[in-house]
N, C-alpha and C. Protein backbone atom coordinates (compact mmCIF):
# COMPACT_ATOMS: atom_id res chain seq x y z
N UNK A 1 -51.21 25.14 -40.31
CA UNK A 1 -50.59 26.03 -40.03
C UNK A 1 -49.00 26.15 -39.47
N UNK A 2 -48.00 26.53 -39.93
CA UNK A 2 -46.68 26.90 -39.02
C UNK A 2 -46.28 27.77 -39.48
N UNK A 3 -45.22 28.37 -39.01
CA UNK A 3 -44.06 28.96 -38.73
C UNK A 3 -42.59 29.16 -39.18
N UNK A 4 -41.96 29.88 -40.13
CA UNK A 4 -40.39 29.29 -40.50
C UNK A 4 -40.43 30.43 -40.77
N UNK A 5 -38.51 30.08 -40.83
CA UNK A 5 -37.62 31.68 -40.98
C UNK A 5 -38.32 32.21 -43.00
N UNK A 6 -38.24 32.74 -44.03
CA UNK A 6 -38.96 33.95 -44.72
C UNK A 6 -37.41 33.21 -45.39
N UNK A 7 -38.12 33.15 -46.75
CA UNK A 7 -37.01 32.89 -48.30
C UNK A 7 -37.15 33.64 -49.27
N UNK A 8 -36.32 34.03 -50.00
CA UNK A 8 -36.85 34.67 -51.05
C UNK A 8 -37.67 35.10 -51.45
N UNK A 9 -37.77 33.58 -52.05
CA UNK A 9 -39.71 33.24 -52.30
C UNK A 9 -40.45 33.69 -52.17
N UNK A 10 -40.40 34.24 -50.46
CA UNK A 10 -41.30 34.66 -50.18
C UNK A 10 -41.94 36.27 -50.15
N UNK A 11 -40.74 37.21 -50.66
CA UNK A 11 -40.86 38.19 -50.86
C UNK A 11 -41.90 38.74 -50.92
N UNK A 12 -42.65 38.30 -52.39
CA UNK A 12 -43.86 39.60 -52.81
C UNK A 12 -45.42 39.36 -51.80
N UNK A 13 -45.12 37.18 -52.06
CA UNK A 13 -45.76 37.65 -50.47
C UNK A 13 -45.84 38.42 -49.72
N UNK A 14 -44.74 39.14 -48.25
CA UNK A 14 -43.99 39.81 -48.10
C UNK A 14 -45.07 41.16 -47.78
N UNK A 15 -44.59 41.52 -49.38
CA UNK A 15 -44.32 43.12 -49.58
C UNK A 15 -46.15 43.10 -49.47
N UNK A 16 -46.62 42.54 -50.41
CA UNK A 16 -48.25 42.16 -50.75
C UNK A 16 -48.61 42.21 -49.35
N UNK A 17 -48.88 41.72 -47.83
CA UNK A 17 -49.50 41.72 -47.00
C UNK A 17 -48.53 42.78 -46.13
N UNK A 18 -47.49 43.20 -46.26
CA UNK A 18 -47.81 44.41 -45.93
C UNK A 18 -47.76 45.92 -46.22
N UNK A 19 -47.99 45.72 -47.51
CA UNK A 19 -48.53 47.51 -48.25
C UNK A 19 -50.17 47.13 -47.63
N UNK A 20 -51.21 46.25 -47.63
CA UNK A 20 -51.99 45.80 -47.65
C UNK A 20 -52.70 46.43 -46.53
N UNK A 21 -51.37 46.02 -45.37
CA UNK A 21 -51.64 46.84 -44.09
C UNK A 21 -51.69 47.40 -43.72
N UNK A 22 -50.85 48.56 -44.43
CA UNK A 22 -50.84 49.77 -44.09
C UNK A 22 -51.41 50.45 -44.57
N UNK A 23 -51.88 50.08 -45.97
CA UNK A 23 -53.74 50.89 -46.46
C UNK A 23 -54.74 50.47 -45.81
N UNK A 24 -54.98 49.25 -45.10
CA UNK A 24 -56.05 48.91 -43.85
C UNK A 24 -56.20 49.77 -42.49
N UNK A 25 -54.43 50.36 -42.45
CA UNK A 25 -54.23 50.62 -41.15
C UNK A 25 -54.05 51.78 -40.51
N UNK A 26 -52.94 51.92 -41.38
CA UNK A 26 -52.03 53.60 -41.45
C UNK A 26 -53.00 54.35 -42.69
N UNK A 27 -53.60 54.58 -42.72
CA UNK A 27 -55.16 55.89 -43.64
C UNK A 27 -53.20 56.92 -44.72
N UNK A 28 -52.92 57.36 -43.26
CA UNK A 28 -51.92 58.34 -43.15
C UNK A 28 -50.61 58.40 -43.99
N UNK A 29 -50.86 57.08 -44.15
CA UNK A 29 -49.34 56.71 -45.47
C UNK A 29 -50.16 57.22 -47.06
N UNK A 30 -49.21 56.97 -47.64
CA UNK A 30 -49.20 57.67 -49.81
C UNK A 30 -49.57 56.24 -50.31
N UNK A 31 -50.10 56.45 -51.40
CA UNK A 31 -49.12 54.97 -51.97
C UNK A 31 -48.20 55.42 -52.38
N UNK A 32 -47.66 56.08 -52.33
CA UNK A 32 -46.27 56.42 -52.91
C UNK A 32 -44.97 55.73 -51.72
N UNK A 33 -45.82 56.37 -50.31
CA UNK A 33 -45.06 55.84 -48.95
C UNK A 33 -45.28 54.55 -48.81
N UNK A 34 -46.52 53.89 -49.25
CA UNK A 34 -47.18 52.44 -49.20
C UNK A 34 -45.65 51.69 -50.01
N UNK A 35 -45.91 51.83 -51.09
CA UNK A 35 -45.09 51.34 -52.08
C UNK A 35 -43.82 51.69 -52.12
N UNK A 36 -43.05 52.48 -51.78
CA UNK A 36 -41.68 52.21 -50.25
C UNK A 36 -41.42 51.46 -49.90
N UNK A 37 -42.31 51.36 -48.74
CA UNK A 37 -42.15 51.04 -47.57
C UNK A 37 -41.79 49.39 -47.52
N UNK A 38 -42.92 48.79 -48.81
CA UNK A 38 -42.99 47.42 -50.00
C UNK A 38 -41.51 46.98 -49.89
N UNK A 39 -41.17 48.03 -50.37
CA UNK A 39 -39.44 47.71 -51.03
C UNK A 39 -38.65 47.57 -50.31
N UNK A 40 -38.60 48.58 -49.46
CA UNK A 40 -37.60 48.88 -47.46
C UNK A 40 -38.17 47.60 -46.54
N UNK A 41 -39.15 47.06 -46.93
CA UNK A 41 -39.31 45.66 -45.82
C UNK A 41 -38.21 44.49 -46.34
N UNK A 42 -38.21 44.31 -47.70
CA UNK A 42 -36.97 43.22 -48.66
C UNK A 42 -35.78 43.46 -48.44
N UNK A 43 -35.04 45.04 -48.62
CA UNK A 43 -34.21 45.91 -49.02
C UNK A 43 -33.71 45.95 -47.64
N UNK A 44 -34.22 46.00 -46.68
CA UNK A 44 -33.16 46.90 -45.10
C UNK A 44 -33.74 45.38 -44.73
N UNK A 45 -34.57 44.62 -44.61
CA UNK A 45 -34.66 43.54 -43.30
C UNK A 45 -34.90 42.39 -43.66
N UNK A 46 -35.36 41.67 -44.82
CA UNK A 46 -35.74 40.86 -44.78
C UNK A 46 -33.72 40.10 -45.55
N UNK A 47 -33.33 40.94 -46.35
CA UNK A 47 -31.95 40.27 -47.61
C UNK A 47 -30.84 40.70 -46.26
N UNK A 48 -31.39 41.04 -44.80
CA UNK A 48 -30.69 41.56 -43.77
C UNK A 48 -30.05 39.86 -42.80
N UNK A 49 -29.27 39.25 -42.83
CA UNK A 49 -28.67 38.55 -41.72
C UNK A 49 -28.74 38.99 -40.53
N UNK A 50 -29.09 40.33 -40.18
CA UNK A 50 -28.62 40.63 -38.98
C UNK A 50 -30.46 40.74 -38.04
N UNK A 51 -31.05 40.29 -38.97
CA UNK A 51 -32.79 40.35 -38.84
C UNK A 51 -33.21 39.12 -39.04
N UNK A 52 -34.24 38.46 -37.65
CA UNK A 52 -34.25 37.23 -38.59
C UNK A 52 -36.02 37.92 -38.63
N UNK A 53 -36.40 37.25 -39.96
CA UNK A 53 -38.05 37.50 -40.77
C UNK A 53 -38.79 35.85 -40.88
N UNK A 54 -39.59 35.54 -40.30
CA UNK A 54 -40.42 34.06 -40.24
C UNK A 54 -41.93 35.20 -41.34
N UNK A 55 -42.08 33.71 -41.72
CA UNK A 55 -43.15 33.85 -42.36
C UNK A 55 -44.42 33.00 -41.48
N UNK A 56 -45.75 32.74 -41.84
CA UNK A 56 -47.24 32.57 -40.98
C UNK A 56 -47.60 31.66 -42.23
N UNK A 57 -47.90 30.41 -42.69
CA UNK A 57 -48.08 29.77 -43.96
C UNK A 57 -49.64 29.17 -42.66
N UNK A 58 -50.65 28.53 -44.53
CA UNK A 58 -51.07 27.67 -43.48
C UNK A 58 -51.94 27.00 -45.41
N UNK A 59 -50.99 25.52 -44.95
CA UNK A 59 -51.18 25.05 -46.30
C UNK A 59 -50.91 25.63 -47.33
N UNK A 60 -49.02 25.99 -47.02
CA UNK A 60 -48.26 26.57 -47.77
C UNK A 60 -48.86 27.96 -48.39
N UNK A 61 -49.26 28.74 -48.08
CA UNK A 61 -49.82 29.90 -48.30
C UNK A 61 -49.38 30.51 -47.67
N UNK A 62 -48.17 31.63 -47.57
CA UNK A 62 -48.15 33.04 -46.72
C UNK A 62 -49.24 33.35 -46.11
N UNK A 63 -49.58 34.14 -45.32
CA UNK A 63 -50.23 34.93 -44.89
C UNK A 63 -49.85 35.73 -43.38
N UNK A 64 -48.18 36.30 -43.28
CA UNK A 64 -48.31 36.91 -42.25
C UNK A 64 -47.13 36.41 -42.22
N UNK A 65 -46.01 37.96 -41.56
CA UNK A 65 -44.96 37.78 -41.06
C UNK A 65 -44.65 38.68 -40.19
N UNK A 66 -43.31 38.48 -39.81
CA UNK A 66 -42.00 38.93 -38.61
C UNK A 66 -41.08 39.12 -38.52
N UNK A 67 -40.49 40.13 -38.51
CA UNK A 67 -39.41 40.80 -38.44
C UNK A 67 -38.59 41.09 -37.18
N UNK A 68 -37.60 40.11 -36.84
CA UNK A 68 -37.44 40.50 -35.34
C UNK A 68 -36.03 41.17 -35.48
N UNK A 69 -35.53 41.51 -34.29
CA UNK A 69 -34.13 41.93 -33.51
C UNK A 69 -33.85 41.44 -32.68
N UNK A 70 -32.82 40.93 -32.08
CA UNK A 70 -32.78 40.98 -30.75
C UNK A 70 -34.11 40.71 -30.43
N UNK A 71 -34.70 40.99 -29.65
CA UNK A 71 -35.56 40.38 -28.58
C UNK A 71 -36.25 41.44 -28.79
N UNK A 72 -36.95 42.55 -29.61
CA UNK A 72 -37.37 43.01 -30.35
C UNK A 72 -38.99 42.45 -31.74
N UNK A 73 -39.70 43.24 -31.56
CA UNK A 73 -40.37 43.12 -32.63
C UNK A 73 -40.44 44.12 -33.72
N UNK A 74 -39.77 44.44 -34.74
CA UNK A 74 -39.89 45.23 -35.46
C UNK A 74 -41.38 45.93 -36.31
N UNK A 75 -41.97 44.67 -36.76
CA UNK A 75 -42.91 44.56 -37.67
C UNK A 75 -43.78 43.30 -38.01
N UNK A 76 -45.16 43.30 -37.36
CA UNK A 76 -45.57 41.94 -37.75
C UNK A 76 -46.95 41.91 -37.78
N UNK A 77 -47.94 40.73 -38.94
CA UNK A 77 -48.75 41.48 -38.93
C UNK A 77 -49.39 40.03 -40.10
N UNK A 78 -50.61 40.27 -40.13
CA UNK A 78 -51.43 39.20 -40.93
C UNK A 78 -52.35 39.83 -41.76
N UNK A 79 -52.67 38.60 -43.19
CA UNK A 79 -53.34 39.13 -44.48
C UNK A 79 -54.82 39.51 -42.69
N UNK A 80 -55.49 40.67 -43.47
CA UNK A 80 -56.34 41.57 -43.47
C UNK A 80 -57.48 40.49 -42.94
N UNK A 81 -57.71 39.58 -44.05
CA UNK A 81 -59.28 38.68 -43.58
C UNK A 81 -58.64 37.54 -42.79
N UNK A 82 -57.68 37.79 -41.96
CA UNK A 82 -57.19 36.67 -41.05
C UNK A 82 -57.45 37.34 -39.61
N UNK A 83 -57.06 38.28 -39.55
CA UNK A 83 -57.29 38.96 -38.01
C UNK A 83 -58.22 38.70 -37.51
N UNK A 84 -58.14 38.77 -36.39
CA UNK A 84 -59.43 38.85 -35.70
C UNK A 84 -59.63 37.42 -35.64
N UNK A 85 -58.80 36.08 -36.20
CA UNK A 85 -59.23 34.99 -36.28
C UNK A 85 -57.60 34.32 -35.54
N UNK A 86 -57.08 34.78 -34.55
CA UNK A 86 -56.03 33.87 -33.51
C UNK A 86 -54.29 33.76 -34.30
N UNK A 87 -54.74 34.22 -35.74
CA UNK A 87 -53.08 33.80 -36.28
C UNK A 87 -51.88 35.01 -35.80
N UNK A 88 -52.37 36.26 -35.46
CA UNK A 88 -51.65 37.02 -35.06
C UNK A 88 -50.99 36.72 -33.86
N UNK A 89 -51.50 35.85 -32.74
CA UNK A 89 -51.88 36.01 -31.59
C UNK A 89 -50.88 34.59 -31.72
N UNK A 90 -51.07 33.34 -32.57
CA UNK A 90 -49.99 32.72 -32.69
C UNK A 90 -48.56 32.95 -32.97
N UNK A 91 -48.85 33.68 -33.77
CA UNK A 91 -47.13 34.62 -34.07
C UNK A 91 -46.70 35.30 -33.48
N UNK A 92 -47.01 35.89 -32.40
CA UNK A 92 -46.77 36.60 -31.21
C UNK A 92 -46.26 35.62 -30.06
N UNK A 93 -46.90 34.13 -29.92
CA UNK A 93 -46.81 32.98 -29.07
C UNK A 93 -45.34 31.82 -29.34
N UNK A 94 -45.26 32.47 -30.65
CA UNK A 94 -44.07 31.72 -30.83
C UNK A 94 -42.88 32.44 -30.94
N UNK A 95 -42.92 33.69 -31.04
CA UNK A 95 -42.51 35.24 -30.97
C UNK A 95 -41.66 35.01 -29.67
N UNK A 96 -42.58 34.79 -28.90
CA UNK A 96 -42.37 34.45 -27.33
C UNK A 96 -41.31 33.47 -26.46
N UNK A 97 -42.27 32.65 -26.98
CA UNK A 97 -41.29 31.56 -26.45
C UNK A 97 -40.10 30.80 -27.18
N UNK A 98 -39.76 31.68 -28.48
CA UNK A 98 -38.53 30.37 -29.90
C UNK A 98 -37.78 32.44 -29.44
N UNK A 99 -37.96 33.26 -28.67
CA UNK A 99 -37.16 34.55 -29.16
C UNK A 99 -37.22 35.29 -27.89
N UNK A 100 -37.74 35.03 -26.61
CA UNK A 100 -37.87 36.21 -25.99
C UNK A 100 -38.14 37.33 -26.31
N UNK A 101 -39.00 37.79 -27.02
CA UNK A 101 -39.25 38.82 -27.36
C UNK A 101 -39.44 39.77 -26.32
N UNK A 102 -39.27 41.39 -25.75
CA UNK A 102 -40.53 41.98 -24.92
C UNK A 102 -40.43 43.73 -25.19
N UNK A 103 -40.29 44.00 -27.20
CA UNK A 103 -40.56 44.72 -27.28
C UNK A 103 -41.12 44.86 -28.94
N UNK A 104 -42.17 45.95 -28.98
CA UNK A 104 -42.43 46.09 -30.18
C UNK A 104 -42.78 47.33 -31.01
N UNK A 105 -42.90 48.17 -32.10
CA UNK A 105 -42.90 49.12 -32.48
C UNK A 105 -44.51 49.22 -33.22
N UNK A 106 -45.33 50.21 -32.73
CA UNK A 106 -46.48 50.25 -33.24
C UNK A 106 -46.20 51.44 -34.22
N UNK A 107 -47.07 51.89 -34.99
CA UNK A 107 -47.41 53.46 -35.71
C UNK A 107 -48.24 53.61 -34.76
N UNK A 108 -48.53 55.30 -33.68
CA UNK A 108 -48.82 55.73 -33.52
C UNK A 108 -50.38 55.60 -33.46
N UNK A 109 -50.99 56.14 -34.72
CA UNK A 109 -52.17 55.85 -35.61
C UNK A 109 -53.13 54.90 -35.73
N UNK A 110 -52.08 53.87 -35.91
CA UNK A 110 -52.82 52.06 -36.05
C UNK A 110 -53.21 51.73 -34.66
N UNK A 111 -54.57 51.52 -34.25
CA UNK A 111 -55.47 51.60 -33.82
C UNK A 111 -55.77 50.40 -33.66
N UNK A 112 -55.51 49.79 -34.57
CA UNK A 112 -56.33 48.78 -34.33
C UNK A 112 -55.56 47.12 -33.42
N UNK A 113 -53.84 47.81 -34.50
CA UNK A 113 -53.29 46.79 -33.48
C UNK A 113 -51.72 47.60 -32.22
N UNK A 114 -52.57 48.56 -32.30
CA UNK A 114 -52.24 48.83 -30.68
C UNK A 114 -53.24 48.42 -29.54
N UNK A 115 -54.47 47.88 -29.90
CA UNK A 115 -55.86 47.29 -29.21
C UNK A 115 -54.81 45.94 -29.11
N UNK A 116 -54.51 45.11 -30.12
CA UNK A 116 -54.15 43.72 -29.87
C UNK A 116 -53.69 43.68 -28.89
N UNK A 117 -51.93 44.73 -29.00
CA UNK A 117 -50.27 44.57 -27.91
C UNK A 117 -50.64 44.28 -26.46
N UNK A 118 -51.58 45.94 -26.76
CA UNK A 118 -51.72 46.00 -24.87
C UNK A 118 -53.38 45.31 -24.64
N UNK A 119 -54.54 44.81 -25.23
CA UNK A 119 -54.85 44.13 -24.63
C UNK A 119 -54.42 42.42 -24.41
N UNK A 120 -53.01 42.24 -24.61
CA UNK A 120 -52.50 41.27 -24.03
C UNK A 120 -51.46 41.23 -23.28
N UNK A 121 -51.13 42.58 -23.23
CA UNK A 121 -49.98 42.38 -21.93
C UNK A 121 -48.94 43.64 -22.76
N UNK A 122 -49.38 44.41 -23.47
CA UNK A 122 -47.84 45.29 -23.33
C UNK A 122 -48.55 46.62 -22.65
N UNK A 123 -47.82 47.54 -22.91
CA UNK A 123 -47.32 48.65 -23.21
C UNK A 123 -47.10 49.64 -22.84
N UNK A 124 -47.38 50.98 -23.69
CA UNK A 124 -46.94 52.29 -24.10
C UNK A 124 -45.71 52.40 -22.98
N UNK A 125 -44.59 52.56 -24.28
CA UNK A 125 -43.61 53.08 -22.69
C UNK A 125 -43.07 54.68 -23.57
N UNK A 126 -43.47 54.36 -25.11
CA UNK A 126 -42.59 56.54 -25.94
C UNK A 126 -42.28 55.99 -27.03
N UNK A 127 -43.02 57.36 -27.22
CA UNK A 127 -43.60 57.85 -28.70
C UNK A 127 -42.14 58.38 -29.08
N UNK A 128 -42.10 57.71 -30.10
CA UNK A 128 -40.61 57.75 -30.58
C UNK A 128 -40.79 58.47 -32.52
N UNK A 129 -39.62 58.88 -32.64
CA UNK A 129 -39.90 59.33 -34.74
C UNK A 129 -39.44 57.86 -34.61
N UNK A 130 -39.74 57.74 -36.00
CA UNK A 130 -39.52 56.06 -36.71
C UNK A 130 -38.28 55.86 -37.30
N UNK A 131 -37.95 54.38 -36.49
CA UNK A 131 -36.56 54.05 -36.44
C UNK A 131 -36.28 53.04 -37.19
N UNK A 132 -37.95 52.86 -37.63
CA UNK A 132 -37.39 51.79 -37.95
C UNK A 132 -37.70 51.61 -40.24
N UNK A 133 -38.96 52.36 -40.76
CA UNK A 133 -39.07 52.52 -42.10
C UNK A 133 -38.72 54.47 -42.04
N UNK A 134 -37.76 55.57 -41.31
CA UNK A 134 -37.81 56.27 -41.25
C UNK A 134 -38.64 57.06 -41.65
N UNK A 135 -39.75 57.01 -41.10
CA UNK A 135 -40.90 57.75 -42.17
C UNK A 135 -40.85 58.74 -41.36
N UNK A 136 -41.71 60.16 -41.66
CA UNK A 136 -42.29 61.11 -40.60
C UNK A 136 -43.33 61.21 -40.07
N UNK A 137 -43.85 59.98 -39.77
CA UNK A 137 -45.04 59.53 -39.12
C UNK A 137 -44.10 59.30 -37.27
N UNK A 138 -45.33 58.92 -36.34
CA UNK A 138 -44.76 59.17 -34.76
C UNK A 138 -45.20 57.38 -34.67
N UNK A 139 -44.64 56.46 -34.02
CA UNK A 139 -44.50 54.81 -33.31
C UNK A 139 -44.59 54.68 -32.50
N UNK A 140 -45.23 53.77 -31.24
CA UNK A 140 -45.33 53.94 -30.78
C UNK A 140 -44.51 52.81 -30.11
N UNK A 141 -43.43 52.88 -28.79
CA UNK A 141 -42.69 51.84 -28.49
C UNK A 141 -43.72 51.10 -27.44
N UNK A 142 -43.89 49.90 -27.35
CA UNK A 142 -45.17 49.13 -26.16
C UNK A 142 -43.58 48.09 -25.87
N UNK A 143 -43.72 48.05 -24.22
CA UNK A 143 -42.77 46.78 -23.35
C UNK A 143 -43.78 45.83 -22.53
N UNK A 144 -43.33 44.65 -22.31
CA UNK A 144 -44.18 43.93 -22.02
C UNK A 144 -44.32 44.41 -20.73
N UNK A 145 -45.06 43.73 -19.96
CA UNK A 145 -45.65 44.49 -18.51
C UNK A 145 -46.01 43.66 -17.84
N UNK A 146 -45.68 42.28 -18.08
CA UNK A 146 -45.18 41.16 -17.37
C UNK A 146 -44.65 39.77 -18.31
N UNK A 147 -43.83 39.17 -17.19
CA UNK A 147 -43.15 38.27 -17.88
C UNK A 147 -43.45 37.07 -19.41
N UNK A 148 -42.64 36.86 -20.07
CA UNK A 148 -43.48 36.51 -21.69
C UNK A 148 -44.11 34.62 -21.35
N UNK A 149 -43.56 34.04 -20.00
CA UNK A 149 -45.14 33.09 -20.15
C UNK A 149 -45.81 33.66 -19.04
N UNK A 150 -46.57 34.85 -18.70
CA UNK A 150 -47.42 35.07 -18.57
C UNK A 150 -48.40 36.07 -19.02
N UNK A 151 -47.52 36.24 -20.54
CA UNK A 151 -48.01 36.42 -21.65
C UNK A 151 -48.69 35.44 -22.96
N UNK A 152 -47.86 34.60 -22.64
CA UNK A 152 -48.21 33.16 -23.52
C UNK A 152 -49.43 32.44 -22.71
N UNK A 153 -49.23 32.60 -21.49
CA UNK A 153 -50.25 32.08 -20.48
C UNK A 153 -51.70 32.47 -21.06
N UNK A 154 -51.42 33.95 -21.15
CA UNK A 154 -52.59 34.69 -21.04
C UNK A 154 -53.41 34.79 -23.51
N UNK A 155 -52.13 34.70 -23.24
CA UNK A 155 -52.59 34.66 -24.98
C UNK A 155 -53.33 33.18 -25.75
N UNK A 156 -52.41 32.48 -24.40
CA UNK A 156 -53.05 30.96 -24.93
C UNK A 156 -54.49 30.84 -24.50
N UNK A 157 -54.93 31.74 -23.35
CA UNK A 157 -56.12 31.32 -22.60
C UNK A 157 -57.32 32.45 -23.53
N UNK A 158 -57.27 33.49 -24.30
CA UNK A 158 -57.80 34.25 -25.25
C UNK A 158 -57.87 33.54 -26.90
N UNK A 159 -57.33 32.39 -26.52
CA UNK A 159 -57.45 32.13 -28.67
C UNK A 159 -57.52 30.17 -27.95
N UNK A 160 -58.30 29.56 -26.85
CA UNK A 160 -58.16 28.90 -26.23
C UNK A 160 -59.05 27.05 -26.70
N UNK A 161 -59.53 28.15 -28.08
CA UNK A 161 -60.63 27.31 -29.21
C UNK A 161 -59.56 27.34 -30.60
N UNK A 162 -58.66 27.99 -30.51
CA UNK A 162 -57.51 28.07 -31.98
C UNK A 162 -55.97 27.08 -31.76
N UNK A 163 -55.81 27.21 -30.32
CA UNK A 163 -54.70 26.46 -30.36
C UNK A 163 -54.70 24.63 -29.47
């Protein structure tokens, strides 16, 4: 298992994973909106040097990805079949250790992802318009409630058998 910067050869995998994530966790999106967001991920974020994009691989298979700008996680997910197994925590721990992220954004209706972030120390700071994909839906802006190191320790403790 490793995390590396995303490349053009990862784009199809990233679009698939993002579309699957929206389909399973954001049922308020239409099929057309999901398809458009998949294209936007590549066009607006993965191809833009102002953003850093990463993929999580297991045996050279892309199973997750994240996109950050400065200290903010714009979006991050893993394949549905890998949720709850520590992979998302592994990715977050990497971003905290290497990029000192302290903010993330989650669609307001995405209860599973909100639960993940709040369980490890993020708090909802604000509910805002969708600044990432410009959809009609609101997103929650979450901030760390402790230092990155404290959150890293909490993640490691919750996933001690995984790390």
